[in-house]
N, C-alpha and C. Protein backbone atom coordinates (compact mmCIF):
# COMPACT_ATOMS: atom_id res chain seq x y z
N MET A 1 91.87 105.75 79.49
CA MET A 1 92.65 104.86 80.33
C MET A 1 91.93 104.67 81.66
N ALA A 2 91.83 103.46 82.09
CA ALA A 2 91.15 103.15 83.35
C ALA A 2 91.96 103.67 84.53
N ILE A 3 91.25 104.07 85.56
CA ILE A 3 91.90 104.49 86.79
C ILE A 3 91.97 103.25 87.68
N ASP A 4 93.16 102.65 87.73
CA ASP A 4 93.34 101.39 88.45
C ASP A 4 94.77 101.28 88.94
N ILE A 5 95.13 100.11 89.45
CA ILE A 5 96.46 99.90 90.02
C ILE A 5 97.57 100.07 88.98
N THR A 6 97.30 99.71 87.74
CA THR A 6 98.31 99.88 86.69
C THR A 6 98.63 101.36 86.50
N GLY A 7 97.58 102.16 86.45
CA GLY A 7 97.78 103.60 86.33
C GLY A 7 98.46 104.19 87.55
N ALA A 8 98.09 103.70 88.72
CA ALA A 8 98.71 104.19 89.97
C ALA A 8 100.19 103.84 90.00
N ASN A 9 100.53 102.63 89.61
CA ASN A 9 101.94 102.24 89.59
C ASN A 9 102.73 103.09 88.61
N ALA A 10 102.13 103.41 87.48
CA ALA A 10 102.80 104.29 86.51
C ALA A 10 102.93 105.70 87.07
N TYR A 11 101.89 106.18 87.73
CA TYR A 11 101.91 107.53 88.31
C TYR A 11 103.02 107.66 89.35
N PHE A 12 103.18 106.65 90.17
CA PHE A 12 104.21 106.68 91.20
C PHE A 12 105.51 106.04 90.72
N GLY A 13 105.68 105.99 89.40
CA GLY A 13 106.90 105.41 88.83
C GLY A 13 108.16 106.15 89.24
N ALA A 14 109.24 105.42 89.28
CA ALA A 14 110.51 105.95 89.78
C ALA A 14 111.03 107.14 88.97
N THR A 15 110.71 107.22 87.69
CA THR A 15 111.26 108.30 86.88
C THR A 15 110.57 109.63 87.11
N ILE A 16 109.34 109.62 87.60
CA ILE A 16 108.64 110.90 87.77
C ILE A 16 108.18 111.17 89.19
N GLU A 17 108.29 110.24 90.09
CA GLU A 17 107.68 110.41 91.40
C GLU A 17 108.67 110.06 92.51
N THR A 18 108.85 110.99 93.42
CA THR A 18 109.80 110.78 94.52
C THR A 18 109.28 109.78 95.55
N ARG A 19 108.00 109.47 95.52
CA ARG A 19 107.43 108.53 96.50
C ARG A 19 107.35 107.10 95.96
N SER A 20 108.03 106.83 94.88
CA SER A 20 107.96 105.52 94.24
C SER A 20 108.32 104.39 95.19
N GLU A 21 109.41 104.52 95.90
CA GLU A 21 109.85 103.46 96.80
C GLU A 21 108.82 103.20 97.91
N SER A 22 108.30 104.28 98.46
CA SER A 22 107.28 104.15 99.51
C SER A 22 106.04 103.45 98.97
N TRP A 23 105.62 103.79 97.76
CA TRP A 23 104.43 103.19 97.13
C TRP A 23 104.63 101.70 96.90
N THR A 24 105.78 101.33 96.35
CA THR A 24 105.99 99.93 95.99
C THR A 24 106.24 99.04 97.20
N ARG A 25 106.62 99.61 98.35
CA ARG A 25 106.81 98.81 99.57
C ARG A 25 105.48 98.36 100.17
N ILE A 26 104.41 99.02 99.83
CA ILE A 26 103.08 98.67 100.35
C ILE A 26 102.59 97.44 99.59
N PRO A 27 102.07 96.43 100.29
CA PRO A 27 101.59 95.22 99.61
C PRO A 27 100.57 95.55 98.51
N LEU A 28 100.66 94.80 97.42
CA LEU A 28 99.81 95.03 96.26
C LEU A 28 98.33 95.03 96.60
N ALA A 29 97.88 94.08 97.39
CA ALA A 29 96.45 94.01 97.73
C ALA A 29 95.99 95.28 98.43
N GLN A 30 96.83 95.85 99.28
CA GLN A 30 96.47 97.09 99.97
C GLN A 30 96.42 98.26 98.99
N ARG A 31 97.35 98.29 98.04
CA ARG A 31 97.35 99.37 97.03
C ARG A 31 96.11 99.29 96.15
N ILE A 32 95.75 98.08 95.74
CA ILE A 32 94.54 97.91 94.91
C ILE A 32 93.31 98.38 95.66
N ALA A 33 93.19 97.99 96.93
CA ALA A 33 92.05 98.39 97.74
C ALA A 33 92.03 99.90 97.94
N ALA A 34 93.19 100.50 98.15
CA ALA A 34 93.25 101.95 98.37
C ALA A 34 92.84 102.72 97.12
N VAL A 35 93.23 102.25 95.95
CA VAL A 35 92.83 102.92 94.70
C VAL A 35 91.32 102.83 94.53
N ALA A 36 90.75 101.67 94.80
CA ALA A 36 89.29 101.51 94.70
C ALA A 36 88.57 102.40 95.70
N GLN A 37 89.05 102.44 96.94
CA GLN A 37 88.42 103.27 97.96
C GLN A 37 88.55 104.75 97.62
N ALA A 38 89.71 105.16 97.14
CA ALA A 38 89.93 106.56 96.77
C ALA A 38 89.04 106.97 95.60
N LYS A 39 88.92 106.10 94.63
CA LYS A 39 88.07 106.38 93.47
C LYS A 39 86.62 106.57 93.91
N ASP A 40 86.16 105.69 94.79
CA ASP A 40 84.80 105.78 95.30
C ASP A 40 84.59 107.06 96.10
N LEU A 41 85.54 107.39 96.95
CA LEU A 41 85.44 108.59 97.78
C LEU A 41 85.38 109.86 96.94
N ILE A 42 86.25 109.95 95.94
CA ILE A 42 86.26 111.13 95.09
C ILE A 42 85.01 111.18 94.22
N GLN A 43 84.58 110.04 93.70
CA GLN A 43 83.36 110.02 92.88
C GLN A 43 82.16 110.53 93.66
N ARG A 44 82.08 110.19 94.94
CA ARG A 44 80.95 110.65 95.75
C ARG A 44 80.97 112.16 95.94
N ARG A 45 82.13 112.78 95.85
CA ARG A 45 82.25 114.23 96.03
C ARG A 45 82.03 115.02 94.74
N LEU A 46 82.14 114.36 93.60
CA LEU A 46 82.01 115.05 92.31
C LEU A 46 80.56 115.05 91.84
N ALA A 47 80.19 116.14 91.16
CA ALA A 47 78.85 116.22 90.61
C ALA A 47 78.73 115.38 89.34
N ASP A 48 79.82 115.21 88.62
CA ASP A 48 79.83 114.47 87.36
C ASP A 48 80.67 113.19 87.52
N PRO A 49 80.51 112.26 86.59
CA PRO A 49 81.33 111.04 86.66
C PRO A 49 82.82 111.34 86.54
N ILE A 50 83.62 110.46 87.07
CA ILE A 50 85.08 110.60 86.95
C ILE A 50 85.46 110.50 85.49
N VAL A 51 86.33 111.41 85.06
CA VAL A 51 86.83 111.44 83.68
C VAL A 51 88.11 110.63 83.64
N THR A 52 88.18 109.68 82.72
CA THR A 52 89.35 108.82 82.66
C THR A 52 90.27 109.12 81.48
N ASP A 53 89.95 110.11 80.66
CA ASP A 53 90.79 110.39 79.50
C ASP A 53 91.67 111.63 79.68
N THR A 54 91.72 112.22 80.86
CA THR A 54 92.64 113.33 81.12
C THR A 54 93.79 112.77 81.94
N THR A 55 94.89 112.45 81.26
CA THR A 55 95.96 111.73 81.94
C THR A 55 97.35 112.33 81.70
N VAL A 56 97.42 113.52 81.12
CA VAL A 56 98.72 114.15 80.93
C VAL A 56 98.78 115.45 81.72
N VAL A 57 99.98 115.95 81.93
CA VAL A 57 100.21 117.06 82.83
C VAL A 57 99.32 118.27 82.54
N ARG A 58 99.11 118.63 81.30
CA ARG A 58 98.36 119.84 80.97
C ARG A 58 96.84 119.65 81.01
N ASP A 59 96.38 118.43 81.14
CA ASP A 59 94.93 118.18 81.23
C ASP A 59 94.39 118.68 82.56
N PHE A 60 93.12 119.08 82.55
CA PHE A 60 92.46 119.46 83.80
C PHE A 60 90.97 119.22 83.64
N PRO A 61 90.29 118.70 84.59
CA PRO A 61 90.82 118.19 85.86
C PRO A 61 91.52 116.85 85.66
N ARG A 62 92.38 116.51 86.57
CA ARG A 62 93.10 115.24 86.52
C ARG A 62 92.50 114.31 87.55
N HIS A 63 91.40 113.68 87.21
CA HIS A 63 90.76 112.76 88.16
C HIS A 63 91.66 111.58 88.48
N ASP A 64 92.42 111.13 87.49
CA ASP A 64 93.32 110.00 87.76
C ASP A 64 94.35 110.36 88.83
N ALA A 65 94.99 111.50 88.68
CA ALA A 65 96.00 111.92 89.67
C ALA A 65 95.36 112.15 91.04
N ALA A 66 94.16 112.72 91.06
CA ALA A 66 93.47 112.94 92.34
C ALA A 66 93.21 111.60 93.03
N VAL A 67 92.78 110.60 92.28
CA VAL A 67 92.52 109.28 92.86
C VAL A 67 93.81 108.66 93.38
N TYR A 68 94.89 108.75 92.62
CA TYR A 68 96.14 108.13 93.05
C TYR A 68 96.71 108.83 94.28
N GLU A 69 96.62 110.15 94.32
CA GLU A 69 97.08 110.89 95.50
C GLU A 69 96.23 110.55 96.72
N GLN A 70 94.93 110.40 96.50
CA GLN A 70 94.04 110.04 97.60
C GLN A 70 94.35 108.63 98.09
N ALA A 71 94.65 107.72 97.18
CA ALA A 71 94.99 106.35 97.57
C ALA A 71 96.25 106.35 98.43
N TYR A 72 97.24 107.12 98.03
CA TYR A 72 98.47 107.21 98.81
C TYR A 72 98.18 107.76 100.20
N TRP A 73 97.35 108.80 100.25
CA TRP A 73 96.95 109.40 101.54
C TRP A 73 96.26 108.36 102.43
N LEU A 74 95.33 107.61 101.86
CA LEU A 74 94.60 106.60 102.64
C LEU A 74 95.54 105.55 103.22
N LEU A 75 96.49 105.12 102.42
CA LEU A 75 97.45 104.12 102.90
C LEU A 75 98.29 104.67 104.05
N LYS A 76 98.73 105.91 103.91
CA LYS A 76 99.53 106.53 104.98
C LYS A 76 98.67 106.78 106.21
N ALA A 77 97.42 107.22 106.02
CA ALA A 77 96.52 107.45 107.15
C ALA A 77 96.25 106.16 107.90
N ASN A 78 96.05 105.07 107.17
CA ASN A 78 95.82 103.78 107.82
C ASN A 78 97.04 103.32 108.61
N ALA A 79 98.23 103.65 108.12
CA ALA A 79 99.45 103.32 108.86
C ALA A 79 99.50 104.10 110.18
N VAL A 80 99.11 105.37 110.13
CA VAL A 80 99.07 106.19 111.34
C VAL A 80 98.04 105.64 112.32
N ILE A 81 96.86 105.31 111.83
CA ILE A 81 95.80 104.76 112.68
C ILE A 81 96.27 103.47 113.35
N SER A 82 96.92 102.61 112.59
CA SER A 82 97.43 101.35 113.16
C SER A 82 98.47 101.60 114.24
N ALA A 83 99.34 102.57 113.99
CA ALA A 83 100.38 102.88 114.98
C ALA A 83 99.77 103.44 116.25
N VAL A 84 98.79 104.32 116.12
CA VAL A 84 98.14 104.90 117.30
C VAL A 84 97.38 103.83 118.07
N ASN A 85 96.69 102.96 117.36
CA ASN A 85 95.93 101.90 118.02
C ASN A 85 96.82 100.88 118.72
N ALA A 86 98.08 100.78 118.29
CA ALA A 86 99.00 99.83 118.89
C ALA A 86 99.53 100.31 120.25
N VAL A 87 99.37 101.60 120.52
CA VAL A 87 99.86 102.16 121.78
C VAL A 87 98.83 101.88 122.87
N PRO A 88 99.27 101.33 124.01
CA PRO A 88 98.31 101.05 125.10
C PRO A 88 97.66 102.33 125.62
N PHE A 89 96.41 102.24 126.03
CA PHE A 89 95.68 103.39 126.58
C PHE A 89 96.31 103.83 127.89
N ASP A 90 96.53 105.13 128.02
CA ASP A 90 97.08 105.71 129.25
C ASP A 90 95.93 106.36 130.01
N PRO A 91 95.56 105.84 131.18
CA PRO A 91 94.44 106.40 131.94
C PRO A 91 94.64 107.87 132.30
N LYS A 92 95.88 108.32 132.35
CA LYS A 92 96.16 109.73 132.68
C LYS A 92 95.64 110.66 131.58
N GLN A 93 95.51 110.16 130.37
CA GLN A 93 95.00 110.97 129.27
C GLN A 93 93.52 111.28 129.43
N GLY A 94 92.80 110.37 130.00
CA GLY A 94 91.37 110.56 130.16
C GLY A 94 90.60 110.06 128.96
N ILE A 95 89.36 109.72 129.19
CA ILE A 95 88.51 109.15 128.13
C ILE A 95 88.18 110.18 127.05
N ALA A 96 88.06 111.47 127.42
CA ALA A 96 87.75 112.51 126.43
C ALA A 96 88.84 112.60 125.39
N SER A 97 90.08 112.48 125.81
CA SER A 97 91.20 112.51 124.87
C SER A 97 91.15 111.31 123.93
N LEU A 98 90.82 110.16 124.48
CA LEU A 98 90.72 108.94 123.67
C LEU A 98 89.62 109.08 122.63
N VAL A 99 88.47 109.61 123.02
CA VAL A 99 87.35 109.79 122.09
C VAL A 99 87.73 110.79 121.00
N ALA A 100 88.38 111.89 121.37
CA ALA A 100 88.80 112.90 120.39
C ALA A 100 89.79 112.29 119.40
N ASN A 101 90.73 111.50 119.88
CA ASN A 101 91.68 110.84 118.99
C ASN A 101 90.98 109.89 118.04
N GLU A 102 90.01 109.15 118.54
CA GLU A 102 89.27 108.20 117.70
C GLU A 102 88.51 108.93 116.59
N ARG A 103 87.87 110.03 116.93
CA ARG A 103 87.14 110.81 115.91
C ARG A 103 88.09 111.37 114.86
N ALA A 104 89.23 111.87 115.31
CA ALA A 104 90.21 112.43 114.37
C ALA A 104 90.73 111.34 113.44
N MET A 105 90.99 110.16 113.96
CA MET A 105 91.50 109.07 113.13
C MET A 105 90.45 108.61 112.13
N GLN A 106 89.18 108.56 112.53
CA GLN A 106 88.12 108.16 111.61
C GLN A 106 88.00 109.15 110.46
N SER A 107 88.21 110.44 110.73
CA SER A 107 88.08 111.45 109.68
C SER A 107 89.19 111.32 108.64
N LEU A 108 90.31 110.72 108.99
CA LEU A 108 91.40 110.56 108.03
C LEU A 108 90.97 109.74 106.82
N ASN A 109 90.06 108.79 107.01
CA ASN A 109 89.63 107.92 105.92
C ASN A 109 88.47 108.49 105.12
N THR A 110 87.96 109.65 105.51
CA THR A 110 86.82 110.21 104.78
C THR A 110 87.12 111.57 104.17
N MET A 111 88.24 112.17 104.49
CA MET A 111 88.56 113.49 103.94
C MET A 111 89.36 113.35 102.65
N ILE A 112 89.25 114.35 101.81
CA ILE A 112 90.04 114.39 100.58
C ILE A 112 91.32 115.16 100.88
N THR A 113 92.44 114.57 100.54
CA THR A 113 93.72 115.22 100.80
C THR A 113 93.87 116.49 99.96
N PRO A 114 94.52 117.51 100.48
CA PRO A 114 94.72 118.74 99.71
C PRO A 114 95.43 118.51 98.38
N VAL A 115 96.32 117.54 98.32
CA VAL A 115 97.01 117.27 97.06
C VAL A 115 96.01 116.78 96.01
N ALA A 116 95.07 115.95 96.41
CA ALA A 116 94.04 115.50 95.47
C ALA A 116 93.17 116.67 95.01
N TRP A 117 92.81 117.56 95.95
CA TRP A 117 92.00 118.73 95.58
C TRP A 117 92.71 119.58 94.53
N ASP A 118 94.04 119.65 94.58
CA ASP A 118 94.77 120.43 93.59
C ASP A 118 94.49 119.95 92.17
N PHE A 119 94.20 118.69 92.00
CA PHE A 119 93.91 118.14 90.68
C PHE A 119 92.44 118.27 90.30
N LEU A 120 91.60 118.71 91.25
CA LEU A 120 90.17 118.80 91.01
C LEU A 120 89.65 120.23 90.94
N VAL A 121 90.36 121.17 91.56
CA VAL A 121 89.88 122.55 91.70
C VAL A 121 90.86 123.49 91.01
N VAL A 122 90.33 124.39 90.16
CA VAL A 122 91.17 125.32 89.43
C VAL A 122 91.68 126.42 90.34
N ASP A 123 90.81 127.03 91.09
CA ASP A 123 91.12 128.20 91.90
C ASP A 123 91.18 127.80 93.36
N ARG A 124 92.26 128.14 94.03
CA ARG A 124 92.39 127.78 95.44
C ARG A 124 91.43 128.57 96.32
N ASN A 125 90.83 129.64 95.81
CA ASN A 125 89.91 130.45 96.59
C ASN A 125 88.49 129.91 96.41
N VAL A 126 88.27 128.73 96.88
CA VAL A 126 86.99 128.06 96.75
C VAL A 126 86.09 128.51 97.90
N ARG A 127 84.87 128.93 97.57
CA ARG A 127 83.93 129.31 98.61
C ARG A 127 83.19 128.06 99.08
N LEU A 128 83.16 127.89 100.36
CA LEU A 128 82.45 126.77 100.94
C LEU A 128 81.20 127.30 101.62
N SER A 129 80.15 126.53 101.61
CA SER A 129 78.92 126.94 102.28
C SER A 129 78.53 125.91 103.32
N ARG A 130 77.81 126.36 104.30
CA ARG A 130 77.30 125.43 105.29
C ARG A 130 76.01 124.84 104.77
N GLY A 131 75.93 123.54 104.81
CA GLY A 131 74.79 122.90 104.22
C GLY A 131 73.79 122.56 105.23
């Protein structure tokens, strides 16, 4: 099964997902773009190609679920970024605060959400190395 908007809509379906209403309120074009961006982001982090035939609860890894969770995260992160950018700059905050906020907001679109990692990693005790 392809990892696309049809699969995402099924994943966030009302019968199995509490975020269904939130997902369907987002314009379709934005959801399609988010699924594509999430798929690309996760693919870049994986050593192997994305597997598209693991689509039921007991399958592992669940690349489809990881992509859909990442897409949802990206849409919510973009909403936060838009809200923050809509607030006028307060000179009392200082430029350093503004730069720190900008860096933090940019990282929202490049990090993998912990929920997506749950579908990609078996053991939560993952060792990370400095590269």
